[in-house]
Amino acid sequence: MIKQCASSEVKISSSDLYLVSGRVCDCENEFQLVSANSAEEAEDIFEKYVRMQVNIEGSDFYIEHCQKISDMHRNVLTKSQ
């Protein structure tokens, strides 16, 4: 079962959060923060969630991006001085 929660309901460590984007074939990209122990687990949770939302089982599924939030500080763009 996939559970959505507000941040006040459950304490989630940012070290366990992944930003995942992807789509079912011929559908729009979706973005979600996913709490997981690994990138593989985050992708699996994300795919199940998206398929449930669009109610499609058999089509191809594409993960476009999966990155741990705690690693994202290395990819920050800033305004040049």
C-alpha atoms as a PDB file:
ATOM      1  CA  MET A   1       0.000   0.000   0.000  1.00  0.00           C
ATOM      2  CA  ILE A   2       1.227   3.465  -0.865  1.00  0.00           C
ATOM      3  CA  LYS A   3       0.546   6.116   1.744  1.00  0.00           C
ATOM      4  CA  GLN A   4       0.620   9.856   1.263  1.00  0.00           C
ATOM      5  CA  CYS A   5       1.107  11.990   4.335  1.00  0.00           C
ATOM      6  CA  ALA A   6       1.387  15.595   5.312  1.00  0.00           C
ATOM      7  CA  SER A   7       4.713  16.518   6.867  1.00  0.00           C
ATOM      8  CA  SER A   8       3.038  17.092  10.227  1.00  0.00           C
ATOM      9  CA  GLU A   9       1.631  13.530  10.327  1.00  0.00           C
ATOM     10  CA  VAL A  10       4.876  11.590  10.110  1.00  0.00           C
ATOM     11  CA  LYS A  11       8.460  12.608  10.746  1.00  0.00           C
ATOM     12  CA  ILE A  12      10.458  11.756   7.611  1.00  0.00           C
ATOM     13  CA  SER A  13      14.215  12.107   7.473  1.00  0.00           C
ATOM     14  CA  SER A  14      15.420  14.141   4.502  1.00  0.00           C
ATOM     15  CA  SER A  15      18.240  11.618   4.144  1.00  0.00           C
ATOM     16  CA  ASP A  16      15.594   9.080   3.088  1.00  0.00           C
ATOM     17  CA  LEU A  17      13.860  11.311   0.527  1.00  0.00           C
ATOM     18  CA  TYR A  18      14.254  10.977  -3.231  1.00  0.00           C
ATOM     19  CA  LEU A  19      12.942  13.263  -5.954  1.00  0.00           C
ATOM     20  CA  VAL A  20      11.588  10.970  -8.650  1.00  0.00           C
ATOM     21  CA  SER A  21      10.098  11.855 -12.015  1.00  0.00           C
ATOM     22  CA  GLY A  22       8.777   9.579 -14.701  1.00  0.00           C
ATOM     23  CA  ARG A  23       5.750   8.553 -16.695  1.00  0.00           C
ATOM     24  CA  VAL A  24       3.643   5.781 -18.093  1.00  0.00           C
ATOM     25  CA  CYS A  25       4.071   5.551 -21.873  1.00  0.00           C
ATOM     26  CA  ASP A  26       2.088   8.299 -23.671  1.00  0.00           C
ATOM     27  CA  CYS A  27       1.198  10.092 -20.404  1.00  0.00           C
ATOM     28  CA  GLU A  28       2.493  13.273 -18.783  1.00  0.00           C
ATOM     29  CA  ASN A  29       5.552  13.279 -16.512  1.00  0.00           C
ATOM     30  CA  GLU A  30       4.859  13.088 -12.796  1.00  0.00           C
ATOM     31  CA  PHE A  31       7.109  14.338  -9.964  1.00  0.00           C
ATOM     32  CA  GLN A  32       7.000  13.094  -6.378  1.00  0.00           C
ATOM     33  CA  LEU A  33       9.091  13.104  -3.249  1.00  0.00           C
ATOM     34  CA  VAL A  34       9.432   9.485  -2.161  1.00  0.00           C
ATOM     35  CA  SER A  35      10.579   8.185   1.218  1.00  0.00           C
ATOM     36  CA  ALA A  36      12.692   5.068   0.617  1.00  0.00           C
ATOM     37  CA  ASN A  37      15.834   3.221   1.696  1.00  0.00           C
ATOM     38  CA  SER A  38      17.365   3.156  -1.803  1.00  0.00           C
ATOM     39  CA  ALA A  39      16.932   4.616  -5.273  1.00  0.00           C
ATOM     40  CA  GLU A  40      15.598   1.280  -6.509  1.00  0.00           C
ATOM     41  CA  GLU A  41      12.959   1.223  -3.781  1.00  0.00           C
ATOM     42  CA  ALA A  42      12.032   4.861  -4.518  1.00  0.00           C
ATOM     43  CA  GLU A  43      11.570   4.054  -8.199  1.00  0.00           C
ATOM     44  CA  ASP A  44       9.401   1.033  -7.383  1.00  0.00           C
ATOM     45  CA  ILE A  45       7.185   2.997  -4.969  1.00  0.00           C
ATOM     46  CA  PHE A  46       6.906   5.828  -7.498  1.00  0.00           C
ATOM     47  CA  GLU A  47       5.960   3.531 -10.379  1.00  0.00           C
ATOM     48  CA  LYS A  48       3.249   1.809  -8.322  1.00  0.00           C
ATOM     49  CA  TYR A  49       1.879   5.190  -7.243  1.00  0.00           C
ATOM     50  CA  VAL A  50       1.781   6.650 -10.769  1.00  0.00           C
ATOM     51  CA  ARG A  51       0.221   3.514 -12.263  1.00  0.00           C
ATOM     52  CA  MET A  52      -2.444   3.613  -9.549  1.00  0.00           C
ATOM     53  CA  GLN A  53      -3.164   7.303 -10.295  1.00  0.00           C
ATOM     54  CA  VAL A  54      -3.577   6.815 -14.047  1.00  0.00           C
ATOM     55  CA  ASN A  55      -5.102   3.339 -13.673  1.00  0.00           C
ATOM     56  CA  ILE A  56      -2.810   1.748 -16.286  1.00  0.00           C
ATOM     57  CA  GLU A  57      -1.118  -1.594 -15.681  1.00  0.00           C
ATOM     58  CA  GLY A  58       0.494  -2.925 -18.854  1.00  0.00           C
ATOM     59  CA  SER A  59       2.165   0.020 -20.615  1.00  0.00           C
ATOM     60  CA  ASP A  60       5.875   0.792 -20.549  1.00  0.00           C
ATOM     61  CA  PHE A  61       7.095   2.949 -17.667  1.00  0.00           C
ATOM     62  CA  TYR A  62       9.964   5.406 -17.806  1.00  0.00           C
ATOM     63  CA  ILE A  63      11.909   6.853 -14.879  1.00  0.00           C
ATOM     64  CA  GLU A  64      13.365  10.171 -15.998  1.00  0.00           C
ATOM     65  CA  HIS A  65      15.069  11.173 -12.760  1.00  0.00           C
ATOM     66  CA  CYS A  66      15.726   9.722  -9.317  1.00  0.00           C
ATOM     67  CA  GLN A  67      18.019  11.537  -6.915  1.00  0.00           C
ATOM     68  CA  LYS A  68      18.445  11.618  -3.176  1.00  0.00           C
ATOM     69  CA  ILE A  69      17.439  15.022  -1.797  1.00  0.00           C
ATOM     70  CA  SER A  70      20.454  15.095   0.529  1.00  0.00           C
ATOM     71  CA  ASP A  71      22.756  14.843  -2.534  1.00  0.00           C
ATOM     72  CA  MET A  72      21.114  17.713  -4.402  1.00  0.00           C
ATOM     73  CA  HIS A  73      23.175  20.459  -2.747  1.00  0.00           C
ATOM     74  CA  ARG A  74      25.963  19.602  -5.226  1.00  0.00           C
ATOM     75  CA  ASN A  75      23.680  20.551  -8.137  1.00  0.00           C
ATOM     76  CA  VAL A  76      22.551  24.000  -7.006  1.00  0.00           C
ATOM     77  CA  LEU A  77      22.604  26.736  -9.643  1.00  0.00           C
ATOM     78  CA  THR A  78      23.298  30.246  -8.443  1.00  0.00           C
ATOM     79  CA  LYS A  79      23.195  33.667 -10.006  1.00  0.00           C
ATOM     80  CA  SER A  80      26.574  34.839 -11.286  1.00  0.00           C
ATOM     81  CA  GLN A  81      27.955  37.924  -9.587  1.00  0.00           C
END
